């Protein structure tokens, strides 16, 4: 059996091709493409199949997409692509194709991760051992999903939680929201908890709070991704503005993760995924993220009982999509 799977996001389109024989899985080809360089998913698939000289029939395929899937059609939130299951079935000549939300795929991918791919941020004190879980992750956008244990397996439910409104937790965040509202009619959580969000927080602290921007950092941003520059300078304690930007970002991240936990409560675990978290792992291991996660008033003691796990494997969604393809 030959499987094709993909993880399609606003920044990267990752594809993987594998063969299943006697329940043993063998990856035969894998590659990542810059999404913005292509007009649609089919163009990327065609190039992938051609580059790896794949001529065998595809028996099943699954594509994880960073956006809602409705009636077997998906629109990528941060990319002008519309993906249709019917069109893919015709192009790949197989009826066994599924489109799923990228954080549904990430949830499926958890089961195939190695222990080294996961790091504990908080060891919970959950005496009831509730098996339900949630996953949240910031990258190009912000995603989340809910894992419900039923009949000895997880039933996974998608969400568009990243587009819920941003709720400030302190005076600084209130000022940040006010500043954002002067520029946008609606301020979603994703607008601050993402790569672009990191840049917005940086600009706010510079323009409104008057924290001086370093000429060195400004120059570095013209040569590289600004969000990566902010993270790099913050992690190495080389710039005050970058440090305070990342601190604010982590405060928002911790609060958002516990809000997700409350929406799906009771749960036993929260997984932190996405492209940003592994890059700022050392900061997430500090007290700031956990303090923000636990700061939930009457529910604070319940937040302490939840185990928080950081997923360090950036291909979790891709592996989850491949696992789903095999189930087809």
C-alpha atoms as a PDB file:
ATOM      1  CA  UNK A   1       0.000   0.000   0.000  1.00  0.00           C
ATOM      2  CA  UNK A   2       1.310   3.447  -0.966  1.00  0.00           C
ATOM      3  CA  UNK A   3       0.329   6.501   1.045  1.00  0.00           C
ATOM      4  CA  UNK A   4       0.657  10.233   0.466  1.00  0.00           C
ATOM      5  CA  UNK A   5       0.255  12.764   3.261  1.00  0.00           C
ATOM      6  CA  UNK A   6       0.772  16.468   3.676  1.00  0.00           C
ATOM      7  CA  UNK A   7       0.823  19.222   6.277  1.00  0.00           C
ATOM      8  CA  UNK A   8      -0.195  22.446   4.553  1.00  0.00           C
ATOM      9  CA  UNK A   9       0.377  25.741   6.330  1.00  0.00           C
ATOM     10  CA  UNK A  10       0.811  29.393   5.486  1.00  0.00           C
ATOM     11  CA  UNK A  11       4.609  29.073   5.506  1.00  0.00           C
ATOM     12  CA  UNK A  12       5.444  25.464   4.594  1.00  0.00           C
ATOM     13  CA  UNK A  13       3.821  22.642   2.664  1.00  0.00           C
ATOM     14  CA  UNK A  14       5.333  19.371   3.847  1.00  0.00           C
ATOM     15  CA  UNK A  15       4.692  16.183   1.883  1.00  0.00           C
ATOM     16  CA  UNK A  16       5.566  12.588   2.703  1.00  0.00           C
ATOM     17  CA  UNK A  17       5.238   9.366   0.699  1.00  0.00           C
ATOM     18  CA  UNK A  18       5.355   5.967   2.378  1.00  0.00           C
ATOM     19  CA  UNK A  19       4.849   2.293   1.722  1.00  0.00           C
ATOM     20  CA  UNK A  20       2.990  -0.004   4.123  1.00  0.00           C
ATOM     21  CA  UNK A  21       3.875  -3.686   4.024  1.00  0.00           C
ATOM     22  CA  UNK A  22       2.674  -6.152   6.695  1.00  0.00           C
ATOM     23  CA  UNK A  23       1.854  -3.155   8.909  1.00  0.00           C
ATOM     24  CA  UNK A  24       5.457  -1.921   8.648  1.00  0.00           C
ATOM     25  CA  UNK A  25       5.742   1.653   7.455  1.00  0.00           C
ATOM     26  CA  UNK A  26       8.645   2.757   5.260  1.00  0.00           C
ATOM     27  CA  UNK A  27       9.046   6.422   4.325  1.00  0.00           C
ATOM     28  CA  UNK A  28      10.223   6.595   0.724  1.00  0.00           C
ATOM     29  CA  UNK A  29      10.220  10.357   0.130  1.00  0.00           C
ATOM     30  CA  UNK A  30       9.726  13.536   2.111  1.00  0.00           C
ATOM     31  CA  UNK A  31      10.181  17.233   1.319  1.00  0.00           C
ATOM     32  CA  UNK A  32       9.095  20.689   2.458  1.00  0.00           C
ATOM     33  CA  UNK A  33       8.161  23.485   0.053  1.00  0.00           C
ATOM     34  CA  UNK A  34       7.592  27.237   0.664  1.00  0.00           C
ATOM     35  CA  UNK A  35       3.805  27.544   0.327  1.00  0.00           C
ATOM     36  CA  UNK A  36       3.818  31.107  -1.004  1.00  0.00           C
ATOM     37  CA  UNK A  37       5.844  30.035  -4.060  1.00  0.00           C
ATOM     38  CA  UNK A  38       2.933  28.014  -5.464  1.00  0.00           C
ATOM     39  CA  UNK A  39      -0.597  28.756  -6.644  1.00  0.00           C
ATOM     40  CA  UNK A  40      -2.235  25.650  -5.215  1.00  0.00           C
ATOM     41  CA  UNK A  41      -1.625  22.322  -3.500  1.00  0.00           C
ATOM     42  CA  UNK A  42      -1.889  20.248  -6.667  1.00  0.00           C
ATOM     43  CA  UNK A  43       1.090  22.103  -8.158  1.00  0.00           C
ATOM     44  CA  UNK A  44       3.208  21.144  -5.144  1.00  0.00           C
ATOM     45  CA  UNK A  45       2.036  17.530  -5.268  1.00  0.00           C
ATOM     46  CA  UNK A  46       2.877  17.264  -8.979  1.00  0.00           C
ATOM     47  CA  UNK A  47       6.394  18.591  -8.386  1.00  0.00           C
ATOM     48  CA  UNK A  48       6.889  16.274  -5.398  1.00  0.00           C
ATOM     49  CA  UNK A  49       5.816  13.179  -7.339  1.00  0.00           C
ATOM     50  CA  UNK A  50       7.990  14.183 -10.295  1.00  0.00           C
ATOM     51  CA  UNK A  51      11.092  14.993  -8.238  1.00  0.00           C
ATOM     52  CA  UNK A  52      10.960  11.618  -6.498  1.00  0.00           C
ATOM     53  CA  UNK A  53       9.946   9.698  -9.633  1.00  0.00           C
ATOM     54  CA  UNK A  54       6.816   8.338  -7.957  1.00  0.00           C
ATOM     55  CA  UNK A  55       4.771   6.437 -10.536  1.00  0.00           C
ATOM     56  CA  UNK A  56       2.942   3.910  -8.324  1.00  0.00           C
ATOM     57  CA  UNK A  57      -0.755   4.428  -7.685  1.00  0.00           C
ATOM     58  CA  UNK A  58      -1.598   6.261  -4.479  1.00  0.00           C
ATOM     59  CA  UNK A  59      -3.832   4.002  -2.378  1.00  0.00           C
ATOM     60  CA  UNK A  60      -4.808   6.623   0.204  1.00  0.00           C
ATOM     61  CA  UNK A  61      -3.924  10.196   1.092  1.00  0.00           C
ATOM     62  CA  UNK A  62      -4.548  12.643   3.919  1.00  0.00           C
ATOM     63  CA  UNK A  63      -3.813  16.359   3.956  1.00  0.00           C
ATOM     64  CA  UNK A  64      -3.736  18.436   7.118  1.00  0.00           C
ATOM     65  CA  UNK A  65      -4.682  22.039   6.411  1.00  0.00           C
ATOM     66  CA  UNK A  66      -4.230  25.181   8.487  1.00  0.00           C
ATOM     67  CA  UNK A  67      -7.850  26.242   8.334  1.00  0.00           C
ATOM     68  CA  UNK A  68     -11.419  24.950   8.631  1.00  0.00           C
ATOM     69  CA  UNK A  69     -12.586  21.957   6.597  1.00  0.00           C
ATOM     70  CA  UNK A  70     -16.246  22.140   5.564  1.00  0.00           C
ATOM     71  CA  UNK A  71     -18.006  19.707   3.211  1.00  0.00           C
ATOM     72  CA  UNK A  72     -14.640  18.277   2.086  1.00  0.00           C
ATOM     73  CA  UNK A  73     -13.351  21.704   1.035  1.00  0.00           C
ATOM     74  CA  UNK A  74     -10.671  23.646   2.908  1.00  0.00           C
ATOM     75  CA  UNK A  75      -9.495  27.233   2.737  1.00  0.00           C
ATOM     76  CA  UNK A  76      -6.034  27.963   4.099  1.00  0.00           C
ATOM     77  CA  UNK A  77      -6.356  30.833   6.559  1.00  0.00           C
ATOM     78  CA  UNK A  78      -2.991  32.457   5.837  1.00  0.00           C
ATOM     79  CA  UNK A  79      -2.693  31.376   2.207  1.00  0.00           C
ATOM     80  CA  UNK A  80      -4.954  32.009  -0.829  1.00  0.00           C
ATOM     81  CA  UNK A  81      -5.518  28.311  -1.504  1.00  0.00           C
ATOM     82  CA  UNK A  82      -8.808  26.432  -1.697  1.00  0.00           C
ATOM     83  CA  UNK A  83      -8.400  22.655  -1.505  1.00  0.00           C
ATOM     84  CA  UNK A  84     -11.127  20.286  -2.671  1.00  0.00           C
ATOM     85  CA  UNK A  85     -11.236  16.589  -1.820  1.00  0.00           C
ATOM     86  CA  UNK A  86     -13.067  15.850  -5.068  1.00  0.00           C
ATOM     87  CA  UNK A  87     -10.384  17.570  -7.167  1.00  0.00           C
ATOM     88  CA  UNK A  88      -7.638  15.671  -5.339  1.00  0.00           C
ATOM     89  CA  UNK A  89      -9.463  12.353  -5.798  1.00  0.00           C
ATOM     90  CA  UNK A  90      -9.640  12.994  -9.526  1.00  0.00           C
ATOM     91  CA  UNK A  91      -6.006  14.094  -9.795  1.00  0.00           C
ATOM     92  CA  UNK A  92      -4.594  11.247  -7.685  1.00  0.00           C
ATOM     93  CA  UNK A  93      -7.135   8.728  -8.972  1.00  0.00           C
ATOM     94  CA  UNK A  94      -8.117   7.358  -5.586  1.00  0.00           C
ATOM     95  CA  UNK A  95     -11.350   7.729  -3.581  1.00  0.00           C
ATOM     96  CA  UNK A  96      -9.526   7.330  -0.272  1.00  0.00           C
ATOM     97  CA  UNK A  97      -8.574  10.927   0.486  1.00  0.00           C
ATOM     98  CA  UNK A  98      -9.291  12.944   3.598  1.00  0.00           C
ATOM     99  CA  UNK A  99      -8.834  16.626   4.459  1.00  0.00           C
ATOM    100  CA  UNK A 100      -8.402  17.331   8.169  1.00  0.00           C
ATOM    101  CA  UNK A 101      -7.556  20.373  10.255  1.00  0.00           C
ATOM    102  CA  UNK A 102      -3.837  20.717  10.960  1.00  0.00           C
ATOM    103  CA  UNK A 103      -4.309  20.479  14.725  1.00  0.00           C
ATOM    104  CA  UNK A 104      -6.435  17.384  14.343  1.00  0.00           C
ATOM    105  CA  UNK A 105      -3.435  15.957  12.494  1.00  0.00           C
ATOM    106  CA  UNK A 106      -1.082  17.148  15.247  1.00  0.00           C
ATOM    107  CA  UNK A 107      -3.269  15.361  17.790  1.00  0.00           C
ATOM    108  CA  UNK A 108      -3.101  12.140  15.757  1.00  0.00           C
ATOM    109  CA  UNK A 109       0.654  12.608  15.493  1.00  0.00           C
ATOM    110  CA  UNK A 110       1.175  12.561  19.255  1.00  0.00           C
ATOM    111  CA  UNK A 111       0.828   8.763  19.379  1.00  0.00           C
ATOM    112  CA  UNK A 112       3.723   8.219  16.957  1.00  0.00           C
ATOM    113  CA  UNK A 113       6.208  10.557  18.652  1.00  0.00           C
ATOM    114  CA  UNK A 114       9.318   9.330  20.452  1.00  0.00           C
ATOM    115  CA  UNK A 115       9.807  10.162  24.130  1.00  0.00           C
ATOM    116  CA  UNK A 116      12.643  12.476  23.109  1.00  0.00           C
ATOM    117  CA  UNK A 117      10.149  14.559  21.097  1.00  0.00           C
ATOM    118  CA  UNK A 118       8.255  15.602  24.241  1.00  0.00           C
ATOM    119  CA  UNK A 119       9.393  17.648  27.221  1.00  0.00           C
ATOM    120  CA  UNK A 120       7.412  18.140  30.430  1.00  0.00           C
ATOM    121  CA  UNK A 121       6.741  21.782  31.331  1.00  0.00           C
ATOM    122  CA  UNK A 122       4.516  20.925  34.291  1.00  0.00           C
ATOM    123  CA  UNK A 123       3.996  17.553  35.899  1.00  0.00           C
ATOM    124  CA  UNK A 124       0.368  17.573  36.899  1.00  0.00           C
ATOM    125  CA  UNK A 125      -1.162  16.315  40.108  1.00  0.00           C
ATOM    126  CA  UNK A 126      -4.215  14.814  38.466  1.00  0.00           C
ATOM    127  CA  UNK A 127      -5.322  12.061  40.822  1.00  0.00           C
ATOM    128  CA  UNK A 128      -8.316  11.160  38.638  1.00  0.00           C
ATOM    129  CA  UNK A 129      -6.078  10.450  35.632  1.00  0.00           C
ATOM    130  CA  UNK A 130      -8.568  11.967  33.218  1.00  0.00           C
ATOM    131  CA  UNK A 131      -7.364  10.820  29.774  1.00  0.00           C
ATOM    132  CA  UNK A 132      -8.904  13.717  27.817  1.00  0.00           C
ATOM    133  CA  UNK A 133      -6.420  16.286  26.492  1.00  0.00           C
ATOM    134  CA  UNK A 134      -6.053  19.461  24.461  1.00  0.00           C
ATOM    135  CA  UNK A 135      -3.394  20.707  22.091  1.00  0.00           C
ATOM    136  CA  UNK A 136      -2.547  24.316  21.215  1.00  0.00           C
ATOM    137  CA  UNK A 137       0.223  25.736  19.081  1.00  0.00           C
ATOM    138  CA  UNK A 138       1.459  29.041  17.704  1.00  0.00           C
ATOM    139  CA  UNK A 139       3.327  29.370  14.421  1.00  0.00           C
ATOM    140  CA  UNK A 140       2.283  31.214  11.289  1.00  0.00           C
ATOM    141  CA  UNK A 141      -1.148  31.131  12.943  1.00  0.00           C
ATOM    142  CA  UNK A 142      -2.636  29.619  16.090  1.00  0.00           C
ATOM    143  CA  UNK A 143      -4.419  26.280  16.275  1.00  0.00           C
ATOM    144  CA  UNK A 144      -6.030  24.038  18.861  1.00  0.00           C
ATOM    145  CA  UNK A 145      -7.993  20.795  19.122  1.00  0.00           C
ATOM    146  CA  UNK A 146      -9.627  18.579  21.736  1.00  0.00           C
ATOM    147  CA  UNK A 147      -8.816  14.895  22.350  1.00  0.00           C
ATOM    148  CA  UNK A 148     -11.678  12.939  23.944  1.00  0.00           C
ATOM    149  CA  UNK A 149     -11.054   9.372  25.120  1.00  0.00           C
ATOM    150  CA  UNK A 150     -13.904   7.110  23.978  1.00  0.00           C
ATOM    151  CA  UNK A 151     -14.094   3.335  23.360  1.00  0.00           C
ATOM    152  CA  UNK A 152     -10.340   2.842  23.872  1.00  0.00           C
ATOM    153  CA  UNK A 153      -9.254   5.485  21.380  1.00  0.00           C
ATOM    154  CA  UNK A 154      -9.158   9.248  20.987  1.00  0.00           C
ATOM    155  CA  UNK A 155     -11.938  11.059  19.192  1.00  0.00           C
ATOM    156  CA  UNK A 156     -10.379  14.326  18.006  1.00  0.00           C
ATOM    157  CA  UNK A 157     -12.343  17.512  17.456  1.00  0.00           C
ATOM    158  CA  UNK A 158     -11.075  20.564  15.527  1.00  0.00           C
ATOM    159  CA  UNK A 159     -11.539  24.196  16.459  1.00  0.00           C
ATOM    160  CA  UNK A 160     -10.795  27.689  15.231  1.00  0.00           C
ATOM    161  CA  UNK A 161      -9.814  28.911  18.701  1.00  0.00           C
ATOM    162  CA  UNK A 162      -7.051  31.076  17.268  1.00  0.00           C
ATOM    163  CA  UNK A 163      -9.696  33.411  15.869  1.00  0.00           C
ATOM    164  CA  UNK A 164     -11.410  33.942  19.209  1.00  0.00           C
ATOM    165  CA  UNK A 165     -10.987  37.422  20.651  1.00  0.00           C
ATOM    166  CA  UNK A 166      -7.831  38.311  22.559  1.00  0.00           C
ATOM    167  CA  UNK A 167      -8.558  38.697  26.298  1.00  0.00           C
ATOM    168  CA  UNK A 168      -5.913  40.748  28.161  1.00  0.00           C
ATOM    169  CA  UNK A 169      -4.796  39.533  31.588  1.00  0.00           C
ATOM    170  CA  UNK A 170      -2.904  42.530  32.979  1.00  0.00           C
ATOM    171  CA  UNK A 171      -2.386  46.282  32.553  1.00  0.00           C
ATOM    172  CA  UNK A 172       0.270  45.897  29.869  1.00  0.00           C
ATOM    173  CA  UNK A 173      -1.927  43.568  27.805  1.00  0.00           C
ATOM    174  CA  UNK A 174      -4.887  45.958  28.185  1.00  0.00           C
ATOM    175  CA  UNK A 175      -2.737  48.714  26.689  1.00  0.00           C
ATOM    176  CA  UNK A 176      -1.650  46.331  23.943  1.00  0.00           C
ATOM    177  CA  UNK A 177      -5.270  45.521  23.093  1.00  0.00           C
ATOM    178  CA  UNK A 178      -6.186  49.215  23.056  1.00  0.00           C
ATOM    179  CA  UNK A 179      -3.288  49.922  20.674  1.00  0.00           C
ATOM    180  CA  UNK A 180      -4.357  47.044  18.408  1.00  0.00           C
ATOM    181  CA  UNK A 181      -7.989  48.171  18.369  1.00  0.00           C
ATOM    182  CA  UNK A 182      -6.945  51.520  16.923  1.00  0.00           C
ATOM    183  CA  UNK A 183      -5.637  49.638  13.881  1.00  0.00           C
ATOM    184  CA  UNK A 184      -8.121  46.758  13.580  1.00  0.00           C
ATOM    185  CA  UNK A 185     -11.887  46.441  14.032  1.00  0.00           C
ATOM    186  CA  UNK A 186     -11.360  43.016  15.624  1.00  0.00           C
ATOM    187  CA  UNK A 187      -8.349  41.672  17.521  1.00  0.00           C
ATOM    188  CA  UNK A 188      -8.076  37.884  17.521  1.00  0.00           C
ATOM    189  CA  UNK A 189      -5.769  35.849  19.717  1.00  0.00           C
ATOM    190  CA  UNK A 190      -3.874  34.708  16.617  1.00  0.00           C
ATOM    191  CA  UNK A 191      -2.981  38.314  15.780  1.00  0.00           C
ATOM    192  CA  UNK A 192      -0.729  38.329  18.867  1.00  0.00           C
ATOM    193  CA  UNK A 193       0.064  34.654  19.392  1.00  0.00           C
ATOM    194  CA  UNK A 194       1.901  33.937  16.132  1.00  0.00           C
ATOM    195  CA  UNK A 195       5.056  34.969  14.290  1.00  0.00           C
ATOM    196  CA  UNK A 196       3.427  38.206  13.153  1.00  0.00           C
ATOM    197  CA  UNK A 197       2.065  38.649  16.654  1.00  0.00           C
ATOM    198  CA  UNK A 198       5.571  38.645  18.095  1.00  0.00           C
ATOM    199  CA  UNK A 199       6.435  41.499  15.731  1.00  0.00           C
ATOM    200  CA  UNK A 200       3.292  43.433  16.730  1.00  0.00           C
ATOM    201  CA  UNK A 201       4.177  43.162  20.431  1.00  0.00           C
ATOM    202  CA  UNK A 202       7.696  44.398  19.611  1.00  0.00           C
ATOM    203  CA  UNK A 203       6.296  47.415  17.762  1.00  0.00           C
ATOM    204  CA  UNK A 204       3.862  48.176  20.599  1.00  0.00           C
ATOM    205  CA  UNK A 205       6.567  48.138  23.267  1.00  0.00           C
ATOM    206  CA  UNK A 206       8.749  50.373  21.111  1.00  0.00           C
ATOM    207  CA  UNK A 207       6.094  52.866  20.004  1.00  0.00           C
ATOM    208  CA  UNK A 208       3.804  53.018  23.043  1.00  0.00           C
ATOM    209  CA  UNK A 209       6.014  52.013  25.967  1.00  0.00           C
ATOM    210  CA  UNK A 210       9.063  53.807  24.611  1.00  0.00           C
ATOM    211  CA  UNK A 211      11.544  50.950  24.889  1.00  0.00           C
ATOM    212  CA  UNK A 212      14.381  51.885  22.553  1.00  0.00           C
ATOM    213  CA  UNK A 213      14.993  49.773  19.472  1.00  0.00           C
ATOM    214  CA  UNK A 214      18.585  48.722  18.929  1.00  0.00           C
ATOM    215  CA  UNK A 215      20.134  49.649  15.596  1.00  0.00           C
ATOM    216  CA  UNK A 216      21.788  46.227  15.572  1.00  0.00           C
ATOM    217  CA  UNK A 217      18.429  44.451  15.932  1.00  0.00           C
ATOM    218  CA  UNK A 218      16.831  46.719  13.337  1.00  0.00           C
ATOM    219  CA  UNK A 219      19.591  45.873  10.866  1.00  0.00           C
ATOM    220  CA  UNK A 220      19.299  42.162  11.600  1.00  0.00           C
ATOM    221  CA  UNK A 221      15.580  42.325  10.830  1.00  0.00           C
ATOM    222  CA  UNK A 222      16.315  43.587   7.318  1.00  0.00           C
ATOM    223  CA  UNK A 223      18.461  40.506   6.721  1.00  0.00           C
ATOM    224  CA  UNK A 224      16.342  37.803   8.365  1.00  0.00           C
ATOM    225  CA  UNK A 225      12.862  36.955   9.614  1.00  0.00           C
ATOM    226  CA  UNK A 226      12.001  39.638  12.218  1.00  0.00           C
ATOM    227  CA  UNK A 227      10.229  37.192  14.537  1.00  0.00           C
ATOM    228  CA  UNK A 228      13.274  34.911  14.564  1.00  0.00           C
ATOM    229  CA  UNK A 229      15.549  37.875  15.250  1.00  0.00           C
ATOM    230  CA  UNK A 230      13.411  38.919  18.225  1.00  0.00           C
ATOM    231  CA  UNK A 231      13.503  35.386  19.644  1.00  0.00           C
ATOM    232  CA  UNK A 232      17.246  34.981  19.101  1.00  0.00           C
ATOM    233  CA  UNK A 233      18.152  38.258  20.803  1.00  0.00           C
ATOM    234  CA  UNK A 234      15.721  37.592  23.653  1.00  0.00           C
ATOM    235  CA  UNK A 235      16.993  34.071  24.292  1.00  0.00           C
ATOM    236  CA  UNK A 236      20.591  35.273  24.494  1.00  0.00           C
ATOM    237  CA  UNK A 237      19.729  38.289  26.700  1.00  0.00           C
ATOM    238  CA  UNK A 238      21.253  40.702  24.185  1.00  0.00           C
ATOM    239  CA  UNK A 239      18.423  43.239  23.853  1.00  0.00           C
ATOM    240  CA  UNK A 240      15.920  44.683  26.334  1.00  0.00           C
ATOM    241  CA  UNK A 241      13.147  45.304  23.786  1.00  0.00           C
ATOM    242  CA  UNK A 242      13.397  41.759  22.438  1.00  0.00           C
ATOM    243  CA  UNK A 243      13.434  40.307  25.959  1.00  0.00           C
ATOM    244  CA  UNK A 244      10.327  42.211  27.050  1.00  0.00           C
ATOM    245  CA  UNK A 245       8.616  41.270  23.771  1.00  0.00           C
ATOM    246  CA  UNK A 246       9.187  37.575  24.358  1.00  0.00           C
ATOM    247  CA  UNK A 247       8.154  37.900  28.015  1.00  0.00           C
ATOM    248  CA  UNK A 248       4.824  39.442  26.968  1.00  0.00           C
ATOM    249  CA  UNK A 249       4.370  36.780  24.278  1.00  0.00           C
ATOM    250  CA  UNK A 250       4.959  33.987  26.810  1.00  0.00           C
ATOM    251  CA  UNK A 251       2.491  35.547  29.256  1.00  0.00           C
ATOM    252  CA  UNK A 252      -0.169  35.561  26.524  1.00  0.00           C
ATOM    253  CA  UNK A 253       0.748  32.008  25.482  1.00  0.00           C
ATOM    254  CA  UNK A 254       0.447  30.602  29.010  1.00  0.00           C
ATOM    255  CA  UNK A 255      -2.887  32.312  29.561  1.00  0.00           C
ATOM    256  CA  UNK A 256      -4.234  31.141  26.180  1.00  0.00           C
ATOM    257  CA  UNK A 257      -3.190  27.544  26.897  1.00  0.00           C
ATOM    258  CA  UNK A 258      -5.074  27.521  30.196  1.00  0.00           C
ATOM    259  CA  UNK A 259      -8.114  29.146  28.548  1.00  0.00           C
ATOM    260  CA  UNK A 260      -8.136  26.222  26.110  1.00  0.00           C
ATOM    261  CA  UNK A 261      -7.894  23.851  29.085  1.00  0.00           C
ATOM    262  CA  UNK A 262     -10.887  25.552  30.720  1.00  0.00           C
ATOM    263  CA  UNK A 263     -12.966  25.391  27.532  1.00  0.00           C
ATOM    264  CA  UNK A 264     -12.422  21.624  27.365  1.00  0.00           C
ATOM    265  CA  UNK A 265     -12.278  20.955  31.108  1.00  0.00           C
ATOM    266  CA  UNK A 266     -11.904  18.435  32.681  1.00  0.00           C
ATOM    267  CA  UNK A 267      -8.726  17.301  30.946  1.00  0.00           C
ATOM    268  CA  UNK A 268      -5.537  15.646  32.151  1.00  0.00           C
ATOM    269  CA  UNK A 269      -2.991  17.014  29.690  1.00  0.00           C
ATOM    270  CA  UNK A 270      -2.282  20.047  27.524  1.00  0.00           C
ATOM    271  CA  UNK A 271       0.174  19.722  24.637  1.00  0.00           C
ATOM    272  CA  UNK A 272       2.043  22.787  23.378  1.00  0.00           C
ATOM    273  CA  UNK A 273       2.856  22.402  19.682  1.00  0.00           C
ATOM    274  CA  UNK A 274       3.470  24.692  16.686  1.00  0.00           C
ATOM    275  CA  UNK A 275       6.646  26.075  15.189  1.00  0.00           C
ATOM    276  CA  UNK A 276       7.451  28.739  17.795  1.00  0.00           C
ATOM    277  CA  UNK A 277       7.385  26.829  21.093  1.00  0.00           C
ATOM    278  CA  UNK A 278      10.392  24.520  20.442  1.00  0.00           C
ATOM    279  CA  UNK A 279      12.487  27.539  19.433  1.00  0.00           C
ATOM    280  CA  UNK A 280      11.799  29.302  22.747  1.00  0.00           C
ATOM    281  CA  UNK A 281      11.906  26.125  24.834  1.00  0.00           C
ATOM    282  CA  UNK A 282      14.386  27.486  27.366  1.00  0.00           C
ATOM    283  CA  UNK A 283      12.076  30.407  28.168  1.00  0.00           C
ATOM    284  CA  UNK A 284       9.012  28.151  28.377  1.00  0.00           C
ATOM    285  CA  UNK A 285      10.849  25.991  30.923  1.00  0.00           C
ATOM    286  CA  UNK A 286      11.124  29.035  33.195  1.00  0.00           C
ATOM    287  CA  UNK A 287       8.404  30.081  35.644  1.00  0.00           C
ATOM    288  CA  UNK A 288       6.747  32.717  33.441  1.00  0.00           C
ATOM    289  CA  UNK A 289       4.701  30.397  31.216  1.00  0.00           C
ATOM    290  CA  UNK A 290       3.526  28.212  34.117  1.00  0.00           C
ATOM    291  CA  UNK A 291       2.641  31.245  36.265  1.00  0.00           C
ATOM    292  CA  UNK A 292       0.452  32.599  33.437  1.00  0.00           C
ATOM    293  CA  UNK A 293      -1.093  29.150  32.889  1.00  0.00           C
ATOM    294  CA  UNK A 294      -2.011  28.756  36.562  1.00  0.00           C
ATOM    295  CA  UNK A 295      -3.353  32.286  37.031  1.00  0.00           C
ATOM    296  CA  UNK A 296      -7.032  31.432  36.724  1.00  0.00           C
ATOM    297  CA  UNK A 297      -8.573  32.703  39.940  1.00  0.00           C
ATOM    298  CA  UNK A 298     -10.876  30.116  41.508  1.00  0.00           C
ATOM    299  CA  UNK A 299      -9.613  27.506  39.001  1.00  0.00           C
ATOM    300  CA  UNK A 300      -5.889  28.045  39.703  1.00  0.00           C
ATOM    301  CA  UNK A 301      -5.564  24.904  41.836  1.00  0.00           C
ATOM    302  CA  UNK A 302      -7.159  22.873  39.023  1.00  0.00           C
ATOM    303  CA  UNK A 303      -4.614  24.241  36.552  1.00  0.00           C
ATOM    304  CA  UNK A 304      -1.804  22.900  38.744  1.00  0.00           C
ATOM    305  CA  UNK A 305      -3.205  19.385  38.316  1.00  0.00           C
ATOM    306  CA  UNK A 306      -2.874  19.402  34.512  1.00  0.00           C
ATOM    307  CA  UNK A 307       0.284  17.997  32.925  1.00  0.00           C
ATOM    308  CA  UNK A 308       1.721  20.311  30.263  1.00  0.00           C
ATOM    309  CA  UNK A 309       3.861  18.737  27.545  1.00  0.00           C
ATOM    310  CA  UNK A 310       5.948  20.591  24.979  1.00  0.00           C
ATOM    311  CA  UNK A 311       6.145  18.906  21.565  1.00  0.00           C
ATOM    312  CA  UNK A 312       9.603  19.540  20.106  1.00  0.00           C
ATOM    313  CA  UNK A 313       9.014  17.644  16.837  1.00  0.00           C
ATOM    314  CA  UNK A 314       8.005  20.097  14.100  1.00  0.00           C
ATOM    315  CA  UNK A 315       6.673  17.311  11.868  1.00  0.00           C
ATOM    316  CA  UNK A 316       4.007  16.100  14.297  1.00  0.00           C
ATOM    317  CA  UNK A 317       1.175  17.207  12.007  1.00  0.00           C
ATOM    318  CA  UNK A 318       2.776  15.541   8.993  1.00  0.00           C
ATOM    319  CA  UNK A 319       3.198  12.250  10.861  1.00  0.00           C
ATOM    320  CA  UNK A 320      -0.372  12.524  12.108  1.00  0.00           C
ATOM    321  CA  UNK A 321      -1.664  12.988   8.571  1.00  0.00           C
ATOM    322  CA  UNK A 322       0.318   9.941   7.439  1.00  0.00           C
ATOM    323  CA  UNK A 323      -1.135   7.896  10.309  1.00  0.00           C
ATOM    324  CA  UNK A 324      -4.635   8.990   9.308  1.00  0.00           C
ATOM    325  CA  UNK A 325      -3.951   8.065   5.672  1.00  0.00           C
ATOM    326  CA  UNK A 326      -2.991   4.581   6.785  1.00  0.00           C
ATOM    327  CA  UNK A 327      -6.300   4.235   8.636  1.00  0.00           C
ATOM    328  CA  UNK A 328      -8.151   4.947   5.367  1.00  0.00           C
END
